[in-house]
Amino acid sequence: MKVTPEHNERIAKLTFAGVYPHYVAKVEKKGRTKEELHEVITWLTGFDDEAIQKHIDAKSTFEAFFQGADLNPNASLITGVICGYRIEEIDNPLTQQVRYLDKLVDELAKGWKMEKILRQN
């Protein structure tokens, strides 16, 4: 699927706080924990639990959330299809970063080992 400018704008304006409960529900439904979810978010963004909570409390948009992130240098190793989009082909950096997070949450919910999710050899 082709990512449109409208799609990119919609992603940028979504709030992390609005999506976060869905991430928690998805992973917990599959037997994973909120702590594991935070480990994945921390790996991708560099945010600790306190910073994650601050973004939730502030209702940060994904744009603001990722502006403050220190993206993991191995994030580009996250590939594949999520929500019908091939991650490595997304040309908008913010949309790609949000899809990185979606993919990591998906892998966690699928029961992947943490070492594989965090792209450790």
N, C-alpha and C. Protein backbone atom coordinates (compact mmCIF):
# COMPACT_ATOMS: atom_id res chain seq x y z
N MET A 1 0.83 -1.19 0.00
CA MET A 1 0.00 0.00 0.00
C MET A 1 0.87 1.25 0.00
N LYS A 2 0.38 2.25 -0.64
CA LYS A 2 1.08 3.54 -0.71
C LYS A 2 0.64 4.40 0.48
N VAL A 3 1.62 4.97 1.17
CA VAL A 3 1.34 5.87 2.28
C VAL A 3 1.07 7.25 1.70
N THR A 4 -0.09 7.81 2.03
CA THR A 4 -0.47 9.12 1.51
C THR A 4 -0.11 10.22 2.51
N PRO A 5 -0.01 11.47 2.04
CA PRO A 5 0.24 12.58 2.97
C PRO A 5 -0.84 12.69 4.04
N GLU A 6 -2.08 12.38 3.69
CA GLU A 6 -3.18 12.42 4.66
C GLU A 6 -2.97 11.36 5.75
N HIS A 7 -2.52 10.19 5.34
CA HIS A 7 -2.24 9.11 6.29
C HIS A 7 -1.12 9.55 7.25
N ASN A 8 -0.06 10.14 6.70
CA ASN A 8 1.06 10.61 7.52
C ASN A 8 0.60 11.66 8.53
N GLU A 9 -0.27 12.56 8.10
CA GLU A 9 -0.79 13.62 8.98
C GLU A 9 -1.64 13.02 10.10
N ARG A 10 -2.47 12.04 9.75
CA ARG A 10 -3.32 11.38 10.73
C ARG A 10 -2.47 10.66 11.79
N ILE A 11 -1.42 9.99 11.35
CA ILE A 11 -0.51 9.29 12.27
C ILE A 11 0.16 10.30 13.21
N ALA A 12 0.63 11.42 12.66
CA ALA A 12 1.34 12.43 13.45
C ALA A 12 0.46 12.99 14.55
N LYS A 13 -0.83 13.11 14.30
CA LYS A 13 -1.75 13.74 15.25
C LYS A 13 -2.34 12.76 16.26
N LEU A 14 -2.19 11.47 16.03
CA LEU A 14 -2.63 10.48 17.01
C LEU A 14 -1.86 10.69 18.30
N THR A 15 -2.53 10.48 19.43
CA THR A 15 -1.81 10.61 20.70
C THR A 15 -1.30 9.25 21.15
N PHE A 16 -0.10 9.27 21.71
CA PHE A 16 0.47 8.05 22.27
C PHE A 16 -0.44 7.51 23.37
N ALA A 17 -0.99 8.42 24.18
CA ALA A 17 -1.89 8.01 25.27
C ALA A 17 -3.14 7.31 24.75
N GLY A 18 -3.59 7.69 23.57
CA GLY A 18 -4.77 7.07 22.99
C GLY A 18 -4.52 5.66 22.49
N VAL A 19 -3.30 5.39 22.06
CA VAL A 19 -2.95 4.09 21.50
C VAL A 19 -2.37 3.15 22.55
N TYR A 20 -1.70 3.72 23.54
CA TYR A 20 -1.02 2.93 24.57
C TYR A 20 -1.91 1.87 25.23
N PRO A 21 -3.15 2.20 25.65
CA PRO A 21 -3.98 1.16 26.27
C PRO A 21 -4.25 -0.02 25.33
N HIS A 22 -4.30 0.24 24.04
CA HIS A 22 -4.50 -0.84 23.06
C HIS A 22 -3.26 -1.73 22.98
N TYR A 23 -2.08 -1.11 23.08
CA TYR A 23 -0.84 -1.89 23.13
C TYR A 23 -0.84 -2.80 24.35
N VAL A 24 -1.18 -2.24 25.52
CA VAL A 24 -1.20 -3.01 26.76
C VAL A 24 -2.19 -4.16 26.65
N ALA A 25 -3.40 -3.87 26.19
CA ALA A 25 -4.43 -4.91 26.07
C ALA A 25 -3.99 -6.01 25.12
N LYS A 26 -3.38 -5.63 24.02
CA LYS A 26 -2.95 -6.61 23.01
C LYS A 26 -1.92 -7.57 23.58
N VAL A 27 -0.91 -7.03 24.26
CA VAL A 27 0.15 -7.92 24.76
C VAL A 27 -0.33 -8.73 25.97
N GLU A 28 -1.14 -8.12 26.84
CA GLU A 28 -1.63 -8.86 28.01
C GLU A 28 -2.59 -9.97 27.62
N LYS A 29 -3.38 -9.73 26.58
CA LYS A 29 -4.30 -10.75 26.09
C LYS A 29 -3.55 -12.00 25.61
N LYS A 30 -2.32 -11.79 25.19
CA LYS A 30 -1.50 -12.89 24.68
C LYS A 30 -0.51 -13.41 25.72
N GLY A 31 -0.69 -12.98 27.00
CA GLY A 31 0.13 -13.52 28.08
C GLY A 31 1.44 -12.79 28.32
N ARG A 32 1.63 -11.66 27.68
CA ARG A 32 2.84 -10.86 27.93
C ARG A 32 2.49 -9.78 28.95
N THR A 33 3.50 -9.05 29.42
CA THR A 33 3.28 -8.09 30.50
C THR A 33 3.50 -6.64 30.04
N LYS A 34 2.97 -5.75 30.85
CA LYS A 34 3.18 -4.32 30.63
C LYS A 34 4.67 -4.00 30.76
N GLU A 35 5.36 -4.69 31.65
CA GLU A 35 6.81 -4.49 31.83
C GLU A 35 7.56 -4.86 30.56
N GLU A 36 7.15 -5.95 29.91
CA GLU A 36 7.78 -6.34 28.64
C GLU A 36 7.48 -5.30 27.55
N LEU A 37 6.26 -4.78 27.56
CA LEU A 37 5.91 -3.73 26.60
C LEU A 37 6.81 -2.52 26.82
N HIS A 38 7.01 -2.13 28.06
CA HIS A 38 7.88 -0.99 28.37
C HIS A 38 9.32 -1.26 27.95
N GLU A 39 9.76 -2.49 28.10
CA GLU A 39 11.11 -2.85 27.67
C GLU A 39 11.27 -2.62 26.16
N VAL A 40 10.26 -2.99 25.41
CA VAL A 40 10.27 -2.82 23.95
C VAL A 40 10.24 -1.32 23.60
N ILE A 41 9.38 -0.56 24.26
CA ILE A 41 9.28 0.88 24.00
C ILE A 41 10.59 1.57 24.36
N THR A 42 11.18 1.17 25.48
CA THR A 42 12.45 1.74 25.92
C THR A 42 13.55 1.43 24.92
N TRP A 43 13.60 0.20 24.44
CA TRP A 43 14.62 -0.18 23.45
C TRP A 43 14.52 0.70 22.21
N LEU A 44 13.29 0.92 21.72
CA LEU A 44 13.10 1.69 20.50
C LEU A 44 13.37 3.18 20.71
N THR A 45 12.88 3.74 21.82
CA THR A 45 12.87 5.20 21.98
C THR A 45 13.91 5.76 22.94
N GLY A 46 14.41 4.92 23.84
CA GLY A 46 15.31 5.40 24.88
C GLY A 46 14.58 5.94 26.09
N PHE A 47 13.25 5.98 26.06
CA PHE A 47 12.46 6.49 27.19
C PHE A 47 12.40 5.45 28.32
N ASP A 48 12.59 5.91 29.56
CA ASP A 48 12.39 5.02 30.70
C ASP A 48 10.90 5.06 31.08
N ASP A 49 10.54 4.29 32.11
CA ASP A 49 9.13 4.22 32.53
C ASP A 49 8.56 5.59 32.86
N GLU A 50 9.37 6.42 33.53
CA GLU A 50 8.91 7.75 33.92
C GLU A 50 8.62 8.62 32.68
N ALA A 51 9.50 8.56 31.70
CA ALA A 51 9.30 9.35 30.48
C ALA A 51 8.08 8.85 29.69
N ILE A 52 7.90 7.54 29.67
CA ILE A 52 6.73 6.98 28.99
C ILE A 52 5.46 7.51 29.67
N GLN A 53 5.44 7.48 31.01
CA GLN A 53 4.27 7.95 31.75
C GLN A 53 4.04 9.44 31.52
N LYS A 54 5.10 10.22 31.44
CA LYS A 54 4.96 11.66 31.18
C LYS A 54 4.29 11.90 29.82
N HIS A 55 4.66 11.11 28.82
CA HIS A 55 4.04 11.26 27.49
C HIS A 55 2.56 10.86 27.54
N ILE A 56 2.25 9.85 28.33
CA ILE A 56 0.84 9.45 28.49
C ILE A 56 0.07 10.56 29.18
N ASP A 57 0.60 11.07 30.28
CA ASP A 57 -0.07 12.13 31.04
C ASP A 57 -0.25 13.40 30.22
N ALA A 58 0.76 13.72 29.40
CA ALA A 58 0.72 14.94 28.59
C ALA A 58 -0.12 14.76 27.31
N LYS A 59 -0.56 13.52 27.08
CA LYS A 59 -1.30 13.21 25.85
C LYS A 59 -0.51 13.67 24.61
N SER A 60 0.78 13.32 24.62
CA SER A 60 1.67 13.68 23.51
C SER A 60 1.20 13.04 22.21
N THR A 61 1.28 13.81 21.14
CA THR A 61 1.03 13.22 19.82
C THR A 61 2.22 12.32 19.50
N PHE A 62 2.04 11.43 18.52
CA PHE A 62 3.17 10.61 18.10
C PHE A 62 4.30 11.50 17.58
N GLU A 63 3.94 12.62 16.98
CA GLU A 63 4.95 13.55 16.48
C GLU A 63 5.83 14.04 17.64
N ALA A 64 5.21 14.49 18.73
CA ALA A 64 5.95 14.96 19.90
C ALA A 64 6.68 13.81 20.59
N PHE A 65 6.05 12.67 20.66
CA PHE A 65 6.63 11.49 21.30
C PHE A 65 7.95 11.12 20.62
N PHE A 66 7.94 11.01 19.31
CA PHE A 66 9.14 10.58 18.60
C PHE A 66 10.16 11.71 18.43
N GLN A 67 9.72 12.97 18.51
CA GLN A 67 10.69 14.08 18.47
C GLN A 67 11.63 14.01 19.66
N GLY A 68 11.11 13.58 20.80
CA GLY A 68 11.93 13.48 22.00
C GLY A 68 12.66 12.17 22.15
N ALA A 69 12.43 11.25 21.23
CA ALA A 69 13.03 9.92 21.34
C ALA A 69 14.46 9.90 20.83
N ASP A 70 15.24 9.00 21.40
CA ASP A 70 16.59 8.71 20.91
C ASP A 70 16.48 7.33 20.27
N LEU A 71 16.12 7.32 18.99
CA LEU A 71 15.80 6.07 18.30
C LEU A 71 16.99 5.11 18.31
N ASN A 72 16.72 3.86 18.63
CA ASN A 72 17.75 2.84 18.67
C ASN A 72 18.41 2.71 17.29
N PRO A 73 19.75 2.65 17.24
CA PRO A 73 20.43 2.54 15.94
C PRO A 73 20.05 1.27 15.17
N ASN A 74 19.57 0.25 15.87
CA ASN A 74 19.16 -0.98 15.20
C ASN A 74 17.69 -0.98 14.77
N ALA A 75 17.02 0.15 14.92
CA ALA A 75 15.60 0.22 14.54
C ALA A 75 15.40 -0.11 13.06
N SER A 76 16.39 0.22 12.24
CA SER A 76 16.25 -0.06 10.80
C SER A 76 16.23 -1.55 10.50
N LEU A 77 16.57 -2.38 11.49
CA LEU A 77 16.49 -3.83 11.31
C LEU A 77 15.05 -4.34 11.43
N ILE A 78 14.14 -3.47 11.85
CA ILE A 78 12.73 -3.83 11.96
C ILE A 78 12.15 -3.75 10.55
N THR A 79 11.80 -4.90 10.02
CA THR A 79 11.27 -4.96 8.65
C THR A 79 10.01 -5.81 8.65
N GLY A 80 9.36 -5.82 7.51
CA GLY A 80 8.16 -6.64 7.36
C GLY A 80 6.94 -5.78 7.12
N VAL A 81 5.79 -6.42 7.20
CA VAL A 81 4.53 -5.74 6.91
C VAL A 81 3.75 -5.57 8.20
N ILE A 82 3.24 -4.37 8.39
CA ILE A 82 2.36 -4.08 9.53
C ILE A 82 1.24 -3.18 9.01
N CYS A 83 0.02 -3.52 9.34
CA CYS A 83 -1.16 -2.75 8.90
C CYS A 83 -1.18 -2.57 7.38
N GLY A 84 -0.66 -3.54 6.66
CA GLY A 84 -0.68 -3.50 5.20
C GLY A 84 0.44 -2.71 4.57
N TYR A 85 1.36 -2.19 5.38
CA TYR A 85 2.47 -1.39 4.87
C TYR A 85 3.79 -2.10 5.11
N ARG A 86 4.65 -2.14 4.10
CA ARG A 86 5.99 -2.69 4.26
C ARG A 86 6.84 -1.60 4.91
N ILE A 87 7.27 -1.85 6.13
CA ILE A 87 7.94 -0.85 6.96
C ILE A 87 9.14 -0.22 6.28
N GLU A 88 9.97 -1.05 5.69
CA GLU A 88 11.21 -0.52 5.10
C GLU A 88 10.97 0.34 3.86
N GLU A 89 9.75 0.34 3.34
CA GLU A 89 9.43 1.15 2.16
C GLU A 89 8.71 2.46 2.51
N ILE A 90 8.41 2.68 3.78
CA ILE A 90 7.73 3.91 4.20
C ILE A 90 8.75 5.05 4.17
N ASP A 91 8.43 6.10 3.39
CA ASP A 91 9.41 7.19 3.22
C ASP A 91 9.25 8.33 4.23
N ASN A 92 8.15 8.39 4.94
CA ASN A 92 7.97 9.43 5.97
C ASN A 92 8.58 8.91 7.27
N PRO A 93 9.61 9.58 7.81
CA PRO A 93 10.30 9.07 9.00
C PRO A 93 9.38 8.85 10.21
N LEU A 94 8.47 9.78 10.46
CA LEU A 94 7.59 9.63 11.62
C LEU A 94 6.66 8.43 11.45
N THR A 95 6.04 8.31 10.29
CA THR A 95 5.15 7.17 10.04
C THR A 95 5.93 5.87 10.17
N GLN A 96 7.15 5.85 9.68
CA GLN A 96 7.98 4.65 9.79
C GLN A 96 8.28 4.33 11.26
N GLN A 97 8.57 5.34 12.06
CA GLN A 97 8.86 5.12 13.47
C GLN A 97 7.64 4.57 14.22
N VAL A 98 6.46 5.11 13.91
CA VAL A 98 5.24 4.60 14.54
C VAL A 98 5.02 3.15 14.14
N ARG A 99 5.26 2.83 12.89
CA ARG A 99 5.10 1.44 12.42
C ARG A 99 6.16 0.52 13.01
N TYR A 100 7.36 1.06 13.29
CA TYR A 100 8.35 0.27 14.03
C TYR A 100 7.76 -0.17 15.36
N LEU A 101 7.18 0.79 16.07
CA LEU A 101 6.60 0.50 17.38
C LEU A 101 5.45 -0.50 17.24
N ASP A 102 4.59 -0.30 16.26
CA ASP A 102 3.49 -1.24 16.03
C ASP A 102 4.01 -2.65 15.79
N LYS A 103 5.06 -2.77 15.01
CA LYS A 103 5.64 -4.07 14.67
C LYS A 103 6.22 -4.74 15.91
N LEU A 104 6.93 -3.97 16.74
CA LEU A 104 7.50 -4.53 17.96
C LEU A 104 6.41 -5.04 18.90
N VAL A 105 5.33 -4.27 19.03
CA VAL A 105 4.21 -4.68 19.88
C VAL A 105 3.58 -5.95 19.31
N ASP A 106 3.45 -6.01 18.01
CA ASP A 106 2.90 -7.19 17.34
C ASP A 106 3.77 -8.42 17.60
N GLU A 107 5.08 -8.26 17.48
CA GLU A 107 5.99 -9.38 17.72
C GLU A 107 5.92 -9.84 19.17
N LEU A 108 5.81 -8.89 20.10
CA LEU A 108 5.68 -9.23 21.51
C LEU A 108 4.41 -10.04 21.75
N ALA A 109 3.31 -9.59 21.16
CA ALA A 109 2.03 -10.28 21.32
C ALA A 109 2.05 -11.67 20.67
N LYS A 110 2.86 -11.83 19.65
CA LYS A 110 2.95 -13.13 18.97
C LYS A 110 3.82 -14.12 19.74
N GLY A 111 4.43 -13.66 20.82
CA GLY A 111 5.20 -14.56 21.66
C GLY A 111 6.66 -14.69 21.26
N TRP A 112 7.16 -13.79 20.43
CA TRP A 112 8.57 -13.86 20.05
C TRP A 112 9.44 -13.70 21.29
N LYS A 113 10.63 -14.27 21.24
CA LYS A 113 11.60 -14.09 22.32
C LYS A 113 12.09 -12.66 22.31
N MET A 114 12.34 -12.12 23.50
CA MET A 114 12.73 -10.72 23.63
C MET A 114 14.02 -10.43 22.85
N GLU A 115 14.97 -11.37 22.83
CA GLU A 115 16.22 -11.16 22.10
C GLU A 115 15.96 -10.91 20.62
N LYS A 116 15.00 -11.64 20.07
CA LYS A 116 14.67 -11.48 18.65
C LYS A 116 13.95 -10.15 18.41
N ILE A 117 13.03 -9.79 19.30
CA ILE A 117 12.29 -8.54 19.17
C ILE A 117 13.25 -7.35 19.23
N LEU A 118 14.23 -7.43 20.13
CA LEU A 118 15.17 -6.33 20.33
C LEU A 118 16.37 -6.41 19.39
N ARG A 119 16.25 -7.25 18.39
CA ARG A 119 17.26 -7.36 17.32
C ARG A 119 18.65 -7.57 17.88
N GLN A 120 18.76 -8.52 18.84
CA GLN A 120 20.06 -8.90 19.40
C GLN A 120 20.48 -10.21 18.78
N ASN A 121 21.75 -10.31 18.47
CA ASN A 121 22.25 -11.57 17.84
C ASN A 121 22.61 -12.59 18.88
